[in-house]
C-alpha atoms as a PDB file:
ATOM      1  CA  MET A   1      63.289  42.796 152.225  1.00  0.00           C
ATOM      2  CA  SER A   2      60.689  43.038 149.551  1.00  0.00           C
ATOM      3  CA  LEU A   3      59.765  46.097 147.537  1.00  0.00           C
ATOM      4  CA  GLY A   4      56.276  46.745 149.723  1.00  0.00           C
ATOM      5  CA  THR A   5      58.297  46.565 153.077  1.00  0.00           C
ATOM      6  CA  THR A   6      60.604  49.144 151.864  1.00  0.00           C
ATOM      7  CA  ILE A   7      57.957  51.565 150.425  1.00  0.00           C
ATOM      8  CA  THR A   8      56.300  51.034 153.904  1.00  0.00           C
ATOM      9  CA  ASN A   9      59.553  51.917 156.056  1.00  0.00           C
ATOM     10  CA  LYS A  10      59.906  55.047 153.725  1.00  0.00           C
ATOM     11  CA  SER A  11      56.199  56.296 154.237  1.00  0.00           C
ATOM     12  CA  LYS A  12      56.861  55.804 158.294  1.00  0.00           C
ATOM     13  CA  ASP A  13      60.179  57.711 157.804  1.00  0.00           C
ATOM     14  CA  GLU A  14      58.073  60.466 156.064  1.00  0.00           C
ATOM     15  CA  ILE A  15      55.196  60.698 158.679  1.00  0.00           C
ATOM     16  CA  ASN A  16      57.671  60.466 161.455  1.00  0.00           C
ATOM     17  CA  LEU A  17      59.680  63.525 160.020  1.00  0.00           C
ATOM     18  CA  THR A  18      56.217  65.468 159.235  1.00  0.00           C
ATOM     19  CA  LYS A  19      55.244  64.755 162.869  1.00  0.00           C
ATOM     20  CA  VAL A  20      58.760  66.211 164.154  1.00  0.00           C
ATOM     21  CA  LYS A  21      58.347  69.253 161.712  1.00  0.00           C
ATOM     22  CA  LYS A  22      54.758  70.114 163.120  1.00  0.00           C
ATOM     23  CA  SER A  23      55.945  69.585 166.870  1.00  0.00           C
ATOM     24  CA  ARG A  24      58.869  71.823 166.396  1.00  0.00           C
ATOM     25  CA  LEU A  25      56.612  74.582 164.545  1.00  0.00           C
ATOM     26  CA  LYS A  26      53.795  73.995 167.270  1.00  0.00           C
ATOM     27  CA  LYS A  27      56.935  74.717 169.946  1.00  0.00           C
ATOM     28  CA  ILE A  28      57.956  77.831 168.031  1.00  0.00           C
ATOM     29  CA  LEU A  29      54.505  79.250 167.803  1.00  0.00           C
ATOM     30  CA  GLN A  30      53.961  78.537 171.704  1.00  0.00           C
ATOM     31  CA  ASN A  31      57.004  80.452 172.501  1.00  0.00           C
ATOM     32  CA  TRP A  32      56.775  83.035 169.690  1.00  0.00           C
ATOM     33  CA  GLN A  33      57.569  85.789 172.152  1.00  0.00           C
ATOM     34  CA  LEU A  34      60.986  84.532 172.779  1.00  0.00           C
ATOM     35  CA  TYR A  35      62.026  84.407 169.028  1.00  0.00           C
ATOM     36  CA  ILE A  36      60.848  87.838 168.701  1.00  0.00           C
ATOM     37  CA  PHE A  37      63.010  88.664 171.859  1.00  0.00           C
ATOM     38  CA  ILE A  38      66.255  87.413 170.187  1.00  0.00           C
ATOM     39  CA  LEU A  39      65.356  88.828 166.502  1.00  0.00           C
ATOM     40  CA  PRO A  40      67.025  91.957 166.818  1.00  0.00           C
ATOM     41  CA  ALA A  41      70.054  89.976 167.902  1.00  0.00           C
ATOM     42  CA  LEU A  42      69.757  87.731 165.040  1.00  0.00           C
ATOM     43  CA  LEU A  43      69.178  90.669 162.594  1.00  0.00           C
ATOM     44  CA  TYR A  44      72.296  92.367 163.722  1.00  0.00           C
ATOM     45  CA  PHE A  45      74.820  89.112 163.125  1.00  0.00           C
ATOM     46  CA  ILE A  46      73.327  88.553 159.951  1.00  0.00           C
ATOM     47  CA  ILE A  47      73.253  92.075 158.599  1.00  0.00           C
ATOM     48  CA  PHE A  48      76.190  93.295 160.171  1.00  0.00           C
ATOM     49  CA  HIS A  49      78.426  90.024 160.288  1.00  0.00           C
ATOM     50  CA  TYR A  50      77.441  87.515 157.771  1.00  0.00           C
ATOM     51  CA  VAL A  51      76.307  89.792 154.789  1.00  0.00           C
ATOM     52  CA  PRO A  52      79.346  91.639 154.609  1.00  0.00           C
ATOM     53  CA  MET A  53      81.464  88.441 154.331  1.00  0.00           C
ATOM     54  CA  TYR A  54      80.222  88.677 150.593  1.00  0.00           C
ATOM     55  CA  GLY A  55      82.827  91.318 150.498  1.00  0.00           C
ATOM     56  CA  ILE A  56      85.834  88.995 151.224  1.00  0.00           C
ATOM     57  CA  GLN A  57      86.190  88.163 147.620  1.00  0.00           C
ATOM     58  CA  ILE A  58      87.881  91.378 147.154  1.00  0.00           C
ATOM     59  CA  ALA A  59      90.820  90.069 149.049  1.00  0.00           C
ATOM     60  CA  PHE A  60      91.607  88.021 145.960  1.00  0.00           C
ATOM     61  CA  LYS A  61      90.894  90.511 143.414  1.00  0.00           C
ATOM     62  CA  ASP A  62      92.258  93.950 142.013  1.00  0.00           C
ATOM     63  CA  TYR A  63      89.230  95.703 143.145  1.00  0.00           C
ATOM     64  CA  VAL A  64      88.051  98.633 141.586  1.00  0.00           C
ATOM     65  CA  PRO A  65      84.861 100.448 142.884  1.00  0.00           C
ATOM     66  CA  SER A  66      83.623 101.435 139.532  1.00  0.00           C
ATOM     67  CA  LEU A  67      83.803  97.934 138.225  1.00  0.00           C
ATOM     68  CA  GLY A  68      82.292  96.226 141.188  1.00  0.00           C
ATOM     69  CA  PHE A  69      82.703  92.944 142.975  1.00  0.00           C
ATOM     70  CA  LEU A  70      82.132  90.898 139.660  1.00  0.00           C
ATOM     71  CA  GLY A  71      83.957  93.045 137.322  1.00  0.00           C
ATOM     72  CA  SER A  72      87.270  93.623 139.073  1.00  0.00           C
ATOM     73  CA  GLU A  73      90.023  91.077 137.993  1.00  0.00           C
ATOM     74  CA  TRP A  74      90.998  87.908 140.036  1.00  0.00           C
ATOM     75  CA  VAL A  75      94.711  87.992 141.145  1.00  0.00           C
ATOM     76  CA  GLY A  76      94.364  84.929 143.567  1.00  0.00           C
ATOM     77  CA  LEU A  77      96.807  85.111 146.267  1.00  0.00           C
ATOM     78  CA  LYS A  78      98.758  88.146 145.124  1.00  0.00           C
ATOM     79  CA  HIS A  79      97.776  90.571 148.150  1.00  0.00           C
ATOM     80  CA  PHE A  80      98.658  87.580 150.566  1.00  0.00           C
ATOM     81  CA  GLU A  81     102.051  87.177 148.970  1.00  0.00           C
ATOM     82  CA  ARG A  82     102.789  91.010 148.975  1.00  0.00           C
ATOM     83  CA  PHE A  83     101.801  91.171 152.684  1.00  0.00           C
ATOM     84  CA  PHE A  84     103.874  88.184 153.701  1.00  0.00           C
ATOM     85  CA  ASN A  85     107.063  89.434 151.631  1.00  0.00           C
ATOM     86  CA  SER A  86     106.898  93.048 153.086  1.00  0.00           C
ATOM     87  CA  TYR A  87     109.475  94.405 155.138  1.00  0.00           C
ATOM     88  CA  TYR A  88     106.748  95.408 158.028  1.00  0.00           C
ATOM     89  CA  PHE A  89     105.116  91.716 158.110  1.00  0.00           C
ATOM     90  CA  TRP A  90     106.934  90.426 161.124  1.00  0.00           C
ATOM     91  CA  ASP A  91     107.118  93.984 162.761  1.00  0.00           C
ATOM     92  CA  LEU A  92     103.341  94.101 162.400  1.00  0.00           C
ATOM     93  CA  LEU A  93     103.178  90.796 163.855  1.00  0.00           C
ATOM     94  CA  LYS A  94     105.399  91.279 166.542  1.00  0.00           C
ATOM     95  CA  ASN A  95     103.702  94.205 167.979  1.00  0.00           C
ATOM     96  CA  THR A  96     100.297  92.656 167.472  1.00  0.00           C
ATOM     97  CA  LEU A  97     101.424  89.576 169.336  1.00  0.00           C
ATOM     98  CA  GLY A  98     103.213  91.426 171.667  1.00  0.00           C
ATOM     99  CA  ILE A  99     100.398  93.796 173.157  1.00  0.00           C
ATOM    100  CA  SER A 100      97.938  90.935 173.278  1.00  0.00           C
ATOM    101  CA  ILE A 101      99.795  88.734 174.991  1.00  0.00           C
ATOM    102  CA  TYR A 102     101.192  91.250 177.362  1.00  0.00           C
ATOM    103  CA  GLU A 103      97.589  92.171 177.896  1.00  0.00           C
ATOM    104  CA  LEU A 104      96.553  88.527 178.519  1.00  0.00           C
ATOM    105  CA  VAL A 105      99.253  87.728 181.037  1.00  0.00           C
ATOM    106  CA  VAL A 106      98.615  91.047 183.128  1.00  0.00           C
ATOM    107  CA  GLY A 107      95.037  91.451 182.690  1.00  0.00           C
ATOM    108  CA  PHE A 108      93.271  87.837 182.752  1.00  0.00           C
ATOM    109  CA  PRO A 109      94.500  87.312 186.390  1.00  0.00           C
ATOM    110  CA  LEU A 110      93.559  90.425 187.840  1.00  0.00           C
ATOM    111  CA  PRO A 111      89.673  90.115 187.725  1.00  0.00           C
ATOM    112  CA  ILE A 112      90.017  86.618 189.212  1.00  0.00           C
ATOM    113  CA  ILE A 113      92.245  87.989 192.283  1.00  0.00           C
ATOM    114  CA  LEU A 114      89.655  90.912 192.719  1.00  0.00           C
ATOM    115  CA  ALA A 115      86.785  88.873 192.803  1.00  0.00           C
ATOM    116  CA  LEU A 116      88.315  86.420 195.271  1.00  0.00           C
ATOM    117  CA  LEU A 117      89.352  89.514 197.499  1.00  0.00           C
ATOM    118  CA  LEU A 118      85.609  91.223 197.292  1.00  0.00           C
ATOM    119  CA  ASN A 119      84.025  87.820 197.842  1.00  0.00           C
ATOM    120  CA  GLU A 120      85.476  87.762 201.130  1.00  0.00           C
ATOM    121  CA  VAL A 121      84.721  91.476 202.211  1.00  0.00           C
ATOM    122  CA  LYS A 122      81.632  91.237 204.721  1.00  0.00           C
ATOM    123  CA  ASP A 123      81.211  94.736 205.066  1.00  0.00           C
ATOM    124  CA  GLY A 124      78.586  95.979 202.427  1.00  0.00           C
ATOM    125  CA  LEU A 125      78.849  99.756 202.372  1.00  0.00           C
ATOM    126  CA  TYR A 126      82.894  98.914 202.039  1.00  0.00           C
ATOM    127  CA  LYS A 127      82.143  96.235 199.086  1.00  0.00           C
ATOM    128  CA  ARG A 128      79.861  98.402 197.283  1.00  0.00           C
ATOM    129  CA  THR A 129      82.012 101.680 197.123  1.00  0.00           C
ATOM    130  CA  VAL A 130      84.994  99.261 196.127  1.00  0.00           C
ATOM    131  CA  GLN A 131      82.951  97.755 193.473  1.00  0.00           C
ATOM    132  CA  THR A 132      81.599 100.900 192.325  1.00  0.00           C
ATOM    133  CA  VAL A 133      85.121 102.576 192.176  1.00  0.00           C
ATOM    134  CA  THR A 134      86.541  99.690 190.125  1.00  0.00           C
ATOM    135  CA  TYR A 135      83.523  99.527 187.823  1.00  0.00           C
ATOM    136  CA  ALA A 136      83.381 102.938 186.934  1.00  0.00           C
ATOM    137  CA  PRO A 137      86.066 103.166 184.481  1.00  0.00           C
ATOM    138  CA  HIS A 138      84.351 100.864 182.110  1.00  0.00           C
ATOM    139  CA  PHE A 139      82.037 103.237 181.302  1.00  0.00           C
ATOM    140  CA  ILE A 140      84.462 106.120 180.207  1.00  0.00           C
ATOM    141  CA  SER A 141      84.673 106.269 176.359  1.00  0.00           C
ATOM    142  CA  VAL A 142      88.061 105.190 174.434  1.00  0.00           C
ATOM    143  CA  VAL A 143      88.490 108.823 173.272  1.00  0.00           C
ATOM    144  CA  VAL A 144      88.068 110.453 176.954  1.00  0.00           C
ATOM    145  CA  ILE A 145      90.319 107.320 178.429  1.00  0.00           C
ATOM    146  CA  SER A 146      93.168 108.266 175.728  1.00  0.00           C
ATOM    147  CA  GLY A 147      92.857 111.908 176.193  1.00  0.00           C
ATOM    148  CA  MET A 148      93.462 111.370 180.069  1.00  0.00           C
ATOM    149  CA  ILE A 149      96.386 109.338 179.474  1.00  0.00           C
ATOM    150  CA  ILE A 150      98.027 111.628 177.092  1.00  0.00           C
ATOM    151  CA  ALA A 151      97.218 114.682 179.856  1.00  0.00           C
ATOM    152  CA  PHE A 152      98.644 112.712 182.526  1.00  0.00           C
ATOM    153  CA  LEU A 153     101.839 111.276 180.907  1.00  0.00           C
ATOM    154  CA  SER A 154     102.796 114.602 179.520  1.00  0.00           C
ATOM    155  CA  PRO A 155     106.355 115.434 180.146  1.00  0.00           C
ATOM    156  CA  THR A 156     105.726 118.925 181.188  1.00  0.00           C
ATOM    157  CA  THR A 157     102.243 119.101 182.535  1.00  0.00           C
ATOM    158  CA  GLY A 158     101.394 115.572 183.411  1.00  0.00           C
ATOM    159  CA  ILE A 159     100.792 114.468 186.810  1.00  0.00           C
ATOM    160  CA  ILE A 160     102.665 111.618 186.665  1.00  0.00           C
ATOM    161  CA  ASN A 161     105.649 113.268 185.597  1.00  0.00           C
ATOM    162  CA  HIS A 162     105.393 115.667 188.616  1.00  0.00           C
ATOM    163  CA  ILE A 163     105.435 112.834 190.758  1.00  0.00           C
ATOM    164  CA  ILE A 164     108.366 111.433 189.146  1.00  0.00           C
ATOM    165  CA  GLN A 165     110.145 114.857 189.542  1.00  0.00           C
ATOM    166  CA  PHE A 166     109.143 115.210 193.338  1.00  0.00           C
ATOM    167  CA  PHE A 167     111.413 112.099 193.801  1.00  0.00           C
ATOM    168  CA  GLY A 168     114.308 113.408 192.321  1.00  0.00           C
ATOM    169  CA  PHE A 169     113.935 111.855 188.762  1.00  0.00           C
ATOM    170  CA  GLU A 170     114.004 113.014 185.340  1.00  0.00           C
ATOM    171  CA  PRO A 171     110.646 113.253 183.488  1.00  0.00           C
ATOM    172  CA  ILE A 172     110.052 110.747 181.271  1.00  0.00           C
ATOM    173  CA  SER A 173     108.349 110.983 177.697  1.00  0.00           C
ATOM    174  CA  PHE A 174     105.995 108.023 177.944  1.00  0.00           C
ATOM    175  CA  MET A 175     103.872 108.724 174.810  1.00  0.00           C
ATOM    176  CA  THR A 176     106.919 109.449 172.477  1.00  0.00           C
ATOM    177  CA  ASP A 177     109.225 106.424 173.685  1.00  0.00           C
ATOM    178  CA  PRO A 178     108.511 103.206 171.792  1.00  0.00           C
ATOM    179  CA  LYS A 179     109.728 101.150 174.735  1.00  0.00           C
ATOM    180  CA  TRP A 180     106.942 102.392 176.968  1.00  0.00           C
ATOM    181  CA  PHE A 181     103.786 102.235 174.543  1.00  0.00           C
ATOM    182  CA  LYS A 182     102.796  98.576 175.449  1.00  0.00           C
ATOM    183  CA  THR A 183     102.950  99.300 179.111  1.00  0.00           C
ATOM    184  CA  VAL A 184     101.074 102.193 178.964  1.00  0.00           C
ATOM    185  CA  TYR A 185      98.435 100.633 176.805  1.00  0.00           C
ATOM    186  CA  VAL A 186      98.162  97.387 178.783  1.00  0.00           C
ATOM    187  CA  LEU A 187      97.879  99.202 182.311  1.00  0.00           C
ATOM    188  CA  SER A 188      95.745 101.644 181.264  1.00  0.00           C
ATOM    189  CA  GLY A 189      93.295  98.752 179.926  1.00  0.00           C
ATOM    190  CA  VAL A 190      93.560  96.914 182.936  1.00  0.00           C
ATOM    191  CA  TRP A 191      92.787  99.715 184.949  1.00  0.00           C
ATOM    192  CA  GLN A 192      89.459 100.421 182.840  1.00  0.00           C
ATOM    193  CA  SER A 193      88.460  96.810 182.497  1.00  0.00           C
ATOM    194  CA  THR A 194      89.547  94.900 185.815  1.00  0.00           C
ATOM    195  CA  GLY A 195      86.471  95.981 187.930  1.00  0.00           C
ATOM    196  CA  TRP A 196      83.975  95.200 185.189  1.00  0.00           C
ATOM    197  CA  GLY A 197      85.614  91.905 184.283  1.00  0.00           C
ATOM    198  CA  THR A 198      85.179  90.685 187.967  1.00  0.00           C
ATOM    199  CA  ILE A 199      81.309  90.799 187.596  1.00  0.00           C
ATOM    200  CA  ILE A 200      81.227  87.155 185.959  1.00  0.00           C
ATOM    201  CA  TYR A 201      83.522  85.815 188.446  1.00  0.00           C
ATOM    202  CA  LEU A 202      81.656  87.161 191.287  1.00  0.00           C
ATOM    203  CA  ALA A 203      78.532  85.717 189.610  1.00  0.00           C
ATOM    204  CA  ALA A 204      80.202  82.426 189.430  1.00  0.00           C
ATOM    205  CA  LEU A 205      81.178  82.595 193.100  1.00  0.00           C
ATOM    206  CA  SER A 206      77.575  83.260 194.262  1.00  0.00           C
ATOM    207  CA  GLY A 207      76.678  79.949 193.451  1.00  0.00           C
ATOM    208  CA  VAL A 208      79.152  78.276 195.865  1.00  0.00           C
ATOM    209  CA  ASP A 209      77.172  76.207 198.369  1.00  0.00           C
ATOM    210  CA  PRO A 210      77.459  77.904 201.898  1.00  0.00           C
ATOM    211  CA  GLN A 211      77.488  74.502 203.440  1.00  0.00           C
ATOM    212  CA  GLN A 212      80.851  73.534 201.724  1.00  0.00           C
ATOM    213  CA  HIS A 213      82.625  76.698 203.678  1.00  0.00           C
ATOM    214  CA  GLU A 214      80.766  75.582 206.828  1.00  0.00           C
ATOM    215  CA  ALA A 215      81.892  72.039 206.547  1.00  0.00           C
ATOM    216  CA  ALA A 216      85.543  73.461 205.891  1.00  0.00           C
ATOM    217  CA  ILE A 217      85.716  75.712 208.922  1.00  0.00           C
ATOM    218  CA  VAL A 218      84.576  72.894 210.869  1.00  0.00           C
ATOM    219  CA  ASP A 219      87.417  70.661 209.768  1.00  0.00           C
ATOM    220  CA  GLY A 220      89.537  73.587 210.640  1.00  0.00           C
ATOM    221  CA  ALA A 221      90.579  74.995 206.922  1.00  0.00           C
ATOM    222  CA  SER A 222      92.001  78.509 206.884  1.00  0.00           C
ATOM    223  CA  ARG A 223      90.333  80.905 204.928  1.00  0.00           C
ATOM    224  CA  PHE A 224      93.209  80.509 202.267  1.00  0.00           C
ATOM    225  CA  GLN A 225      92.563  77.072 202.025  1.00  0.00           C
ATOM    226  CA  ARG A 226      88.902  77.465 201.680  1.00  0.00           C
ATOM    227  CA  ILE A 227      89.644  80.045 198.747  1.00  0.00           C
ATOM    228  CA  MET A 228      91.999  77.515 197.061  1.00  0.00           C
ATOM    229  CA  TYR A 229      90.091  74.407 197.525  1.00  0.00           C
ATOM    230  CA  ILE A 230      86.417  75.835 197.387  1.00  0.00           C
ATOM    231  CA  ASN A 231      86.197  78.946 195.524  1.00  0.00           C
ATOM    232  CA  ILE A 232      88.976  78.570 192.839  1.00  0.00           C
ATOM    233  CA  PRO A 233      87.820  75.030 191.733  1.00  0.00           C
ATOM    234  CA  THR A 234      84.282  76.851 191.046  1.00  0.00           C
ATOM    235  CA  LEU A 235      85.762  79.621 188.982  1.00  0.00           C
ATOM    236  CA  VAL A 236      87.710  77.060 186.829  1.00  0.00           C
ATOM    237  CA  PRO A 237      85.185  76.443 184.143  1.00  0.00           C
ATOM    238  CA  THR A 238      84.093  80.395 183.849  1.00  0.00           C
ATOM    239  CA  MET A 239      88.279  80.915 183.618  1.00  0.00           C
ATOM    240  CA  VAL A 240      88.590  78.303 180.948  1.00  0.00           C
ATOM    241  CA  ILE A 241      85.652  79.729 178.864  1.00  0.00           C
ATOM    242  CA  LEU A 242      87.206  83.097 179.196  1.00  0.00           C
ATOM    243  CA  LEU A 243      90.588  82.118 178.510  1.00  0.00           C
ATOM    244  CA  ILE A 244      89.420  80.309 175.060  1.00  0.00           C
ATOM    245  CA  MET A 245      87.404  83.660 174.022  1.00  0.00           C
ATOM    246  CA  ASN A 246      90.453  85.884 174.745  1.00  0.00           C
ATOM    247  CA  LEU A 247      93.026  83.391 173.089  1.00  0.00           C
ATOM    248  CA  GLY A 248      90.652  83.153 170.078  1.00  0.00           C
ATOM    249  CA  ASN A 249      90.881  87.138 169.915  1.00  0.00           C
ATOM    250  CA  ILE A 250      94.625  87.407 170.539  1.00  0.00           C
ATOM    251  CA  MET A 251      95.154  88.805 167.100  1.00  0.00           C
ATOM    252  CA  ALA A 252      91.996  90.877 167.130  1.00  0.00           C
ATOM    253  CA  LEU A 253      93.371  93.834 168.770  1.00  0.00           C
ATOM    254  CA  GLY A 254      91.241  96.836 168.655  1.00  0.00           C
ATOM    255  CA  PHE A 255      92.580  99.786 166.905  1.00  0.00           C
ATOM    256  CA  GLU A 256      90.557 102.382 168.543  1.00  0.00           C
ATOM    257  CA  LYS A 257      92.671 103.088 171.523  1.00  0.00           C
ATOM    258  CA  ILE A 258      95.796 102.236 169.686  1.00  0.00           C
ATOM    259  CA  LEU A 259      95.072 104.927 166.780  1.00  0.00           C
ATOM    260  CA  LEU A 260      94.371 107.609 169.463  1.00  0.00           C
ATOM    261  CA  LEU A 261      97.464 106.828 171.253  1.00  0.00           C
ATOM    262  CA  GLN A 262      99.515 106.450 168.235  1.00  0.00           C
ATOM    263  CA  ASN A 263     102.129 109.274 167.069  1.00  0.00           C
ATOM    264  CA  PRO A 264     105.025 109.038 164.500  1.00  0.00           C
ATOM    265  CA  LEU A 265     107.641 108.761 167.350  1.00  0.00           C
ATOM    266  CA  ASN A 266     105.980 105.632 168.996  1.00  0.00           C
ATOM    267  CA  LEU A 267     104.867 103.974 165.572  1.00  0.00           C
ATOM    268  CA  GLU A 268     107.857 101.541 165.980  1.00  0.00           C
ATOM    269  CA  ALA A 269     105.971  99.715 168.810  1.00  0.00           C
ATOM    270  CA  SER A 270     102.330 101.096 168.384  1.00  0.00           C
ATOM    271  CA  ASP A 271     101.576  99.864 164.288  1.00  0.00           C
ATOM    272  CA  VAL A 272      99.604  96.699 164.536  1.00  0.00           C
ATOM    273  CA  ILE A 273      97.572  94.820 161.985  1.00  0.00           C
ATOM    274  CA  ALA A 274      94.299  96.725 162.763  1.00  0.00           C
ATOM    275  CA  THR A 275      95.768 100.185 162.316  1.00  0.00           C
ATOM    276  CA  PHE A 276      97.723  98.896 159.184  1.00  0.00           C
ATOM    277  CA  VAL A 277      94.456  97.551 157.956  1.00  0.00           C
ATOM    278  CA  TYR A 278      92.752 101.021 158.634  1.00  0.00           C
ATOM    279  CA  GLN A 279      95.716 102.932 156.916  1.00  0.00           C
ATOM    280  CA  ALA A 280      95.553 100.844 154.056  1.00  0.00           C
ATOM    281  CA  GLY A 281      92.164 100.143 153.225  1.00  0.00           C
ATOM    282  CA  LEU A 282      90.588 103.575 154.200  1.00  0.00           C
ATOM    283  CA  LEU A 283      93.264 105.987 154.077  1.00  0.00           C
ATOM    284  CA  ASP A 284      95.112 104.704 151.079  1.00  0.00           C
ATOM    285  CA  ALA A 285      92.367 103.337 149.371  1.00  0.00           C
ATOM    286  CA  GLN A 286      93.985  99.945 148.880  1.00  0.00           C
ATOM    287  CA  TYR A 287      90.659  97.974 149.445  1.00  0.00           C
ATOM    288  CA  SER A 288      91.959  94.430 148.053  1.00  0.00           C
ATOM    289  CA  PHE A 289      95.129  94.510 149.954  1.00  0.00           C
ATOM    290  CA  ALA A 290      93.897  95.873 153.331  1.00  0.00           C
ATOM    291  CA  ALA A 291      91.103  93.064 152.823  1.00  0.00           C
ATOM    292  CA  ALA A 292      93.589  90.295 152.340  1.00  0.00           C
ATOM    293  CA  VAL A 293      95.516  91.451 155.249  1.00  0.00           C
ATOM    294  CA  GLY A 294      92.089  91.564 157.470  1.00  0.00           C
ATOM    295  CA  LEU A 295      91.505  88.147 156.229  1.00  0.00           C
ATOM    296  CA  PHE A 296      94.514  86.558 157.194  1.00  0.00           C
ATOM    297  CA  ASN A 297      94.068  88.265 160.835  1.00  0.00           C
ATOM    298  CA  ALA A 298      90.599  86.724 160.718  1.00  0.00           C
ATOM    299  CA  ILE A 299      91.711  83.194 159.932  1.00  0.00           C
ATOM    300  CA  ILE A 300      94.643  83.285 162.406  1.00  0.00           C
ATOM    301  CA  ASN A 301      92.295  83.959 165.065  1.00  0.00           C
ATOM    302  CA  ALA A 302      89.786  81.265 164.114  1.00  0.00           C
ATOM    303  CA  ILE A 303      92.429  78.716 164.064  1.00  0.00           C
ATOM    304  CA  LEU A 304      93.494  79.863 167.669  1.00  0.00           C
ATOM    305  CA  LEU A 305      89.925  79.645 168.672  1.00  0.00           C
ATOM    306  CA  ILE A 306      89.356  76.119 167.322  1.00  0.00           C
ATOM    307  CA  ALA A 307      92.991  74.860 168.640  1.00  0.00           C
ATOM    308  CA  VAL A 308      92.396  76.346 171.925  1.00  0.00           C
ATOM    309  CA  ASN A 309      88.848  74.803 172.261  1.00  0.00           C
ATOM    310  CA  GLN A 310      89.993  71.500 171.156  1.00  0.00           C
ATOM    311  CA  ILE A 311      92.624  71.545 173.903  1.00  0.00           C
ATOM    312  CA  ALA A 312      90.415  72.696 176.550  1.00  0.00           C
ATOM    313  CA  ARG A 313      87.831  69.865 175.584  1.00  0.00           C
ATOM    314  CA  LYS A 314      90.434  66.958 175.940  1.00  0.00           C
ATOM    315  CA  THR A 315      92.176  68.305 179.003  1.00  0.00           C
ATOM    316  CA  SER A 316      88.795  69.049 180.896  1.00  0.00           C
ATOM    317  CA  GLU A 317      85.141  69.011 180.472  1.00  0.00           C
ATOM    318  CA  THR A 318      84.561  72.671 179.725  1.00  0.00           C
ATOM    319  CA  SER A 319      84.705  73.924 176.174  1.00  0.00           C
ATOM    320  CA  LEU A 320      82.630  76.326 173.798  1.00  0.00           C
ATOM    321  CA  TRP A 321      81.377  73.380 172.046  1.00  0.00           C
END
């Protein structure tokens, strides 16, 4: 190939690239309202999620606020080794995974079941009433929910223990007995979030072609068979996506509710990585150590998300990317 031909080809590539750029710019200018619409969300992620990532470096330093990020001494993996070698490492991991897996096993199927049941209800008033009742707890704040749980489960004045005593049993100290903490946390979360979680599945079910059900009825299919072979397959892609997201956040157990329900007597079962980071970082001012623990938690979540997504992509046609 001659030098002239090579130059000509490069010029053509540059011209094509310029045309593509102009075309993209033209599309952006034509749809500027849409870009303005997504700008607040974009700024939110940049300011509160990407910019703070600069501070991750303190996990590898002995951070001193007066010296700043750059002036603090670099110590490498010292804080990670301290956490891995600590006596509480396995307890924190066990509690975090125990609560998360318990919550996933109990909480993940219930919105699906409720959505399938609501989809079969034909009475509009009854259906709207059930939806309102089940959605309502989602809008109650975590602080109020925690206060309600503590009040209802009180061994002396709680309504739950009054019912237990009415049937002749001894009252149970739910909030001070470590063996009850995971159950109380998970079941209260299920009560609060199950109704709200059905919205996505009901939206997916609304896309089912009614002709499929009509054809199945003509062929003699029962209601249960129509649910099994028409409705559930429709929900499978949505179920896979939500399962991937839940498994990818299995270590990111929110600390607000746990912190509000936590007390010295149930600490054995309620101390998780999120509450430990809060205790070490904000209360004990061990900034570098807490950052290292939080980074370890985030890395495990990222690995799980990527791994589960890869498995889902290989075993089905549904994945996040």
